[in-house]
Amino acid sequence: MQRGVENPEIIDLITLDSQEGEVVLLVLENRPWGSDPKQLEQFDEKLNRYLAYVLDGFLERQYPQYEGLPVRIQIDCVDDPKDDRIQRFLEGVAMVCEQNGISLVLRVGEK
């Protein structure tokens, strides 16, 4: 099954950042920002699924060893979002995450 933003059906990767003591739910975005007109819609669906996975208790049921640990959603992407619309979208997602006790991190990889 393909991982990445285009597939909202799966969590791309779940891991423990032992240095930070956080459970990391990784979102993979291999496309440049703004390269697909459906990209933000796909992101919205994927991130909503991630939030539901955590907030509805599925994460702790599937990984009881992570119970009580802080959660970080980390977006690994190929470039910085330069478009204002994309930046506003990500700021909104970060606010929703923060309101629910989840941090959101954007990590830009090598181009």
N, C-alpha and C. Protein backbone atom coordinates (compact mmCIF):
# COMPACT_ATOMS: atom_id res chain seq x y z
N MET A 1 0.85 -1.18 0.00
CA MET A 1 0.00 0.00 0.00
C MET A 1 0.89 1.25 0.00
N GLN A 2 0.59 2.19 -0.85
CA GLN A 2 1.39 3.40 -0.99
C GLN A 2 1.25 4.30 0.22
N ARG A 3 2.38 4.76 0.74
CA ARG A 3 2.37 5.73 1.82
C ARG A 3 2.40 7.12 1.22
N GLY A 4 2.06 8.11 2.03
CA GLY A 4 2.13 9.49 1.59
C GLY A 4 0.78 10.17 1.68
N VAL A 5 0.81 11.45 1.41
CA VAL A 5 -0.38 12.29 1.53
C VAL A 5 -1.51 11.80 0.63
N GLU A 6 -1.16 11.24 -0.54
CA GLU A 6 -2.19 10.80 -1.48
C GLU A 6 -3.02 9.65 -0.94
N ASN A 7 -2.54 8.95 0.09
CA ASN A 7 -3.28 7.82 0.64
C ASN A 7 -3.67 8.11 2.09
N PRO A 8 -4.89 8.59 2.31
CA PRO A 8 -5.34 8.91 3.67
C PRO A 8 -5.71 7.68 4.49
N GLU A 9 -5.72 6.52 3.86
CA GLU A 9 -6.18 5.31 4.53
C GLU A 9 -5.17 4.77 5.55
N ILE A 10 -3.92 5.18 5.46
CA ILE A 10 -2.92 4.63 6.36
C ILE A 10 -2.14 5.74 7.07
N ILE A 11 -1.61 5.39 8.24
CA ILE A 11 -0.64 6.23 8.92
C ILE A 11 0.70 5.84 8.30
N ASP A 12 1.44 6.82 7.80
CA ASP A 12 2.66 6.51 7.06
C ASP A 12 3.71 5.81 7.93
N LEU A 13 3.89 6.29 9.15
CA LEU A 13 4.85 5.68 10.06
C LEU A 13 4.54 6.14 11.48
N ILE A 14 4.63 5.21 12.42
CA ILE A 14 4.50 5.53 13.84
C ILE A 14 5.79 5.09 14.50
N THR A 15 6.42 6.02 15.22
CA THR A 15 7.68 5.71 15.87
C THR A 15 7.79 6.47 17.18
N LEU A 16 8.75 6.10 17.98
CA LEU A 16 8.99 6.79 19.23
C LEU A 16 10.27 7.60 19.10
N ASP A 17 10.19 8.88 19.40
CA ASP A 17 11.37 9.73 19.48
C ASP A 17 11.81 9.65 20.94
N SER A 18 12.72 8.73 21.23
CA SER A 18 13.11 8.49 22.62
C SER A 18 13.84 9.69 23.22
N GLN A 19 14.50 10.48 22.40
CA GLN A 19 15.20 11.67 22.89
C GLN A 19 14.20 12.71 23.40
N GLU A 20 13.10 12.90 22.68
CA GLU A 20 12.08 13.88 23.07
C GLU A 20 10.98 13.26 23.93
N GLY A 21 10.90 11.92 23.94
CA GLY A 21 9.85 11.25 24.69
C GLY A 21 8.48 11.42 24.06
N GLU A 22 8.45 11.53 22.72
CA GLU A 22 7.20 11.74 22.00
C GLU A 22 6.93 10.60 21.03
N VAL A 23 5.66 10.30 20.86
CA VAL A 23 5.23 9.39 19.80
C VAL A 23 5.10 10.24 18.54
N VAL A 24 5.72 9.79 17.45
CA VAL A 24 5.72 10.54 16.21
C VAL A 24 4.87 9.81 15.18
N LEU A 25 3.88 10.53 14.66
CA LEU A 25 3.10 10.05 13.53
C LEU A 25 3.60 10.82 12.32
N LEU A 26 4.22 10.10 11.41
CA LEU A 26 4.87 10.73 10.28
C LEU A 26 3.94 10.82 9.07
N VAL A 27 3.93 11.98 8.44
CA VAL A 27 3.23 12.21 7.18
C VAL A 27 4.30 12.44 6.12
N LEU A 28 4.26 11.66 5.06
CA LEU A 28 5.25 11.81 3.98
C LEU A 28 4.64 12.59 2.82
N GLU A 29 5.34 13.64 2.41
CA GLU A 29 4.93 14.40 1.22
C GLU A 29 6.13 14.53 0.32
N ASN A 30 6.12 13.74 -0.76
CA ASN A 30 7.26 13.71 -1.68
C ASN A 30 7.12 14.68 -2.84
N ARG A 31 5.98 15.35 -2.91
CA ARG A 31 5.76 16.32 -3.99
C ARG A 31 6.11 17.72 -3.49
N PRO A 32 6.58 18.59 -4.35
CA PRO A 32 6.77 19.99 -3.95
C PRO A 32 5.42 20.61 -3.59
N TRP A 33 5.45 21.56 -2.65
CA TRP A 33 4.22 22.25 -2.27
C TRP A 33 3.63 22.98 -3.47
N GLY A 34 2.33 22.85 -3.65
CA GLY A 34 1.63 23.53 -4.73
C GLY A 34 1.72 22.83 -6.06
N SER A 35 2.29 21.64 -6.10
CA SER A 35 2.48 20.94 -7.37
C SER A 35 1.23 20.19 -7.83
N ASP A 36 0.27 20.01 -6.95
CA ASP A 36 -0.95 19.28 -7.28
C ASP A 36 -2.13 20.08 -6.76
N PRO A 37 -3.12 20.36 -7.62
CA PRO A 37 -4.26 21.17 -7.17
C PRO A 37 -5.07 20.49 -6.05
N LYS A 38 -4.93 19.19 -5.90
CA LYS A 38 -5.66 18.46 -4.85
C LYS A 38 -4.84 18.30 -3.57
N GLN A 39 -3.64 18.84 -3.56
CA GLN A 39 -2.71 18.59 -2.45
C GLN A 39 -3.27 18.99 -1.09
N LEU A 40 -3.82 20.20 -0.97
CA LEU A 40 -4.34 20.64 0.34
C LEU A 40 -5.56 19.83 0.76
N GLU A 41 -6.39 19.49 -0.19
CA GLU A 41 -7.55 18.64 0.11
C GLU A 41 -7.08 17.27 0.61
N GLN A 42 -6.05 16.72 -0.03
CA GLN A 42 -5.50 15.44 0.40
C GLN A 42 -4.87 15.55 1.78
N PHE A 43 -4.15 16.65 2.01
CA PHE A 43 -3.54 16.88 3.32
C PHE A 43 -4.62 16.98 4.39
N ASP A 44 -5.66 17.71 4.10
CA ASP A 44 -6.74 17.89 5.06
C ASP A 44 -7.33 16.54 5.46
N GLU A 45 -7.60 15.69 4.49
CA GLU A 45 -8.16 14.38 4.78
C GLU A 45 -7.18 13.52 5.57
N LYS A 46 -5.92 13.54 5.18
CA LYS A 46 -4.90 12.74 5.86
C LYS A 46 -4.74 13.19 7.31
N LEU A 47 -4.62 14.49 7.52
CA LEU A 47 -4.41 15.01 8.87
C LEU A 47 -5.64 14.81 9.75
N ASN A 48 -6.82 14.91 9.19
CA ASN A 48 -8.03 14.62 9.96
C ASN A 48 -8.04 13.17 10.42
N ARG A 49 -7.59 12.27 9.57
CA ARG A 49 -7.50 10.86 9.96
C ARG A 49 -6.48 10.65 11.07
N TYR A 50 -5.36 11.34 10.96
CA TYR A 50 -4.33 11.23 12.01
C TYR A 50 -4.89 11.72 13.35
N LEU A 51 -5.55 12.86 13.31
CA LEU A 51 -6.12 13.41 14.55
C LEU A 51 -7.15 12.46 15.14
N ALA A 52 -8.02 11.92 14.30
CA ALA A 52 -9.03 10.98 14.79
C ALA A 52 -8.37 9.74 15.36
N TYR A 53 -7.31 9.27 14.74
CA TYR A 53 -6.59 8.09 15.21
C TYR A 53 -6.08 8.30 16.65
N VAL A 54 -5.57 9.49 16.90
CA VAL A 54 -5.05 9.80 18.24
C VAL A 54 -6.18 10.11 19.20
N LEU A 55 -7.06 11.03 18.82
CA LEU A 55 -8.08 11.53 19.75
C LEU A 55 -9.15 10.49 20.07
N ASP A 56 -9.41 9.57 19.17
CA ASP A 56 -10.41 8.53 19.41
C ASP A 56 -9.82 7.31 20.13
N GLY A 57 -8.53 7.38 20.47
CA GLY A 57 -7.92 6.34 21.28
C GLY A 57 -7.34 5.15 20.54
N PHE A 58 -7.36 5.18 19.20
CA PHE A 58 -6.85 4.04 18.44
C PHE A 58 -5.35 3.86 18.64
N LEU A 59 -4.61 4.97 18.72
CA LEU A 59 -3.16 4.87 18.91
C LEU A 59 -2.84 4.11 20.20
N GLU A 60 -3.47 4.50 21.29
CA GLU A 60 -3.19 3.85 22.57
C GLU A 60 -3.68 2.41 22.63
N ARG A 61 -4.76 2.10 21.90
CA ARG A 61 -5.22 0.72 21.86
C ARG A 61 -4.26 -0.17 21.07
N GLN A 62 -3.75 0.35 19.96
CA GLN A 62 -2.84 -0.44 19.13
C GLN A 62 -1.42 -0.47 19.69
N TYR A 63 -1.05 0.59 20.40
CA TYR A 63 0.29 0.71 20.97
C TYR A 63 0.18 1.11 22.44
N PRO A 64 -0.24 0.17 23.30
CA PRO A 64 -0.44 0.51 24.71
C PRO A 64 0.83 1.02 25.40
N GLN A 65 1.98 0.67 24.88
CA GLN A 65 3.23 1.15 25.46
C GLN A 65 3.40 2.66 25.30
N TYR A 66 2.63 3.28 24.40
CA TYR A 66 2.71 4.73 24.18
C TYR A 66 1.68 5.52 24.98
N GLU A 67 0.88 4.83 25.76
CA GLU A 67 -0.18 5.50 26.53
C GLU A 67 0.42 6.59 27.42
N GLY A 68 -0.19 7.76 27.34
CA GLY A 68 0.22 8.88 28.17
C GLY A 68 1.38 9.71 27.63
N LEU A 69 2.00 9.26 26.56
CA LEU A 69 3.11 10.02 25.98
C LEU A 69 2.58 11.14 25.07
N PRO A 70 3.30 12.25 25.01
CA PRO A 70 2.90 13.31 24.08
C PRO A 70 3.01 12.83 22.64
N VAL A 71 2.18 13.39 21.78
CA VAL A 71 2.14 12.99 20.37
C VAL A 71 2.55 14.17 19.49
N ARG A 72 3.35 13.84 18.49
CA ARG A 72 3.77 14.83 17.49
C ARG A 72 3.40 14.30 16.11
N ILE A 73 2.74 15.13 15.34
CA ILE A 73 2.53 14.82 13.92
C ILE A 73 3.64 15.56 13.17
N GLN A 74 4.40 14.80 12.43
CA GLN A 74 5.55 15.38 11.72
C GLN A 74 5.35 15.21 10.22
N ILE A 75 5.40 16.31 9.52
CA ILE A 75 5.28 16.30 8.06
C ILE A 75 6.67 16.38 7.47
N ASP A 76 7.09 15.31 6.83
CA ASP A 76 8.37 15.31 6.11
C ASP A 76 8.09 15.66 4.66
N CYS A 77 8.68 16.77 4.21
CA CYS A 77 8.40 17.24 2.85
C CYS A 77 9.69 17.64 2.15
N VAL A 78 9.58 17.87 0.85
CA VAL A 78 10.77 18.12 0.04
C VAL A 78 11.15 19.59 -0.05
N ASP A 79 10.21 20.49 0.24
CA ASP A 79 10.54 21.92 0.18
C ASP A 79 9.67 22.71 1.15
N ASP A 80 10.05 23.95 1.37
CA ASP A 80 9.29 24.84 2.24
C ASP A 80 8.03 25.31 1.52
N PRO A 81 6.91 25.39 2.24
CA PRO A 81 5.71 25.95 1.62
C PRO A 81 5.85 27.47 1.52
N LYS A 82 5.94 27.97 0.31
CA LYS A 82 6.13 29.41 0.11
C LYS A 82 4.82 30.14 -0.18
N ASP A 83 3.84 29.42 -0.64
CA ASP A 83 2.55 29.99 -0.99
C ASP A 83 1.79 30.36 0.28
N ASP A 84 1.21 31.58 0.31
CA ASP A 84 0.48 32.06 1.49
C ASP A 84 -0.69 31.14 1.86
N ARG A 85 -1.37 30.63 0.87
CA ARG A 85 -2.52 29.77 1.12
C ARG A 85 -2.09 28.49 1.84
N ILE A 86 -0.99 27.92 1.42
CA ILE A 86 -0.48 26.71 2.05
C ILE A 86 0.00 27.02 3.46
N GLN A 87 0.68 28.14 3.64
CA GLN A 87 1.15 28.52 4.97
C GLN A 87 -0.03 28.74 5.92
N ARG A 88 -1.07 29.39 5.46
CA ARG A 88 -2.27 29.61 6.31
C ARG A 88 -2.93 28.27 6.66
N PHE A 89 -2.98 27.37 5.69
CA PHE A 89 -3.54 26.05 5.93
C PHE A 89 -2.76 25.34 7.04
N LEU A 90 -1.44 25.33 6.93
CA LEU A 90 -0.60 24.65 7.93
C LEU A 90 -0.69 25.32 9.30
N GLU A 91 -0.81 26.65 9.31
CA GLU A 91 -0.98 27.35 10.58
C GLU A 91 -2.29 26.95 11.24
N GLY A 92 -3.34 26.82 10.45
CA GLY A 92 -4.64 26.38 10.97
C GLY A 92 -4.57 24.97 11.52
N VAL A 93 -3.89 24.08 10.80
CA VAL A 93 -3.73 22.70 11.26
C VAL A 93 -2.95 22.68 12.56
N ALA A 94 -1.89 23.49 12.64
CA ALA A 94 -1.07 23.54 13.86
C ALA A 94 -1.91 24.01 15.04
N MET A 95 -2.81 24.97 14.83
CA MET A 95 -3.68 25.45 15.92
C MET A 95 -4.62 24.35 16.39
N VAL A 96 -5.23 23.63 15.46
CA VAL A 96 -6.13 22.54 15.82
C VAL A 96 -5.37 21.46 16.59
N CYS A 97 -4.18 21.13 16.11
CA CYS A 97 -3.37 20.13 16.81
C CYS A 97 -3.05 20.61 18.23
N GLU A 98 -2.60 21.84 18.34
CA GLU A 98 -2.23 22.39 19.64
C GLU A 98 -3.42 22.39 20.61
N GLN A 99 -4.58 22.74 20.12
CA GLN A 99 -5.79 22.74 20.96
C GLN A 99 -6.11 21.35 21.49
N ASN A 100 -5.61 20.32 20.81
CA ASN A 100 -5.85 18.94 21.20
C ASN A 100 -4.63 18.29 21.84
N GLY A 101 -3.63 19.10 22.20
CA GLY A 101 -2.46 18.59 22.89
C GLY A 101 -1.48 17.84 22.02
N ILE A 102 -1.54 18.09 20.72
CA ILE A 102 -0.65 17.43 19.77
C ILE A 102 0.21 18.50 19.11
N SER A 103 1.51 18.23 18.99
CA SER A 103 2.35 19.20 18.30
C SER A 103 2.42 18.84 16.81
N LEU A 104 2.66 19.85 16.01
CA LEU A 104 2.81 19.67 14.56
C LEU A 104 4.15 20.23 14.16
N VAL A 105 4.95 19.42 13.46
CA VAL A 105 6.28 19.82 13.04
C VAL A 105 6.40 19.61 11.54
N LEU A 106 6.97 20.58 10.87
CA LEU A 106 7.25 20.47 9.44
C LEU A 106 8.77 20.31 9.30
N ARG A 107 9.18 19.22 8.67
CA ARG A 107 10.61 18.96 8.49
C ARG A 107 10.90 18.88 7.00
N VAL A 108 11.72 19.80 6.54
CA VAL A 108 12.05 19.87 5.12
C VAL A 108 13.31 19.07 4.87
N GLY A 109 13.20 18.13 3.91
CA GLY A 109 14.35 17.29 3.58
C GLY A 109 15.16 17.88 2.45
N GLU A 110 16.05 17.08 1.96
CA GLU A 110 16.88 17.53 0.84
C GLU A 110 16.07 17.53 -0.44
N LYS A 111 16.35 18.52 -1.27
CA LYS A 111 15.62 18.64 -2.54
C LYS A 111 16.18 17.70 -3.55
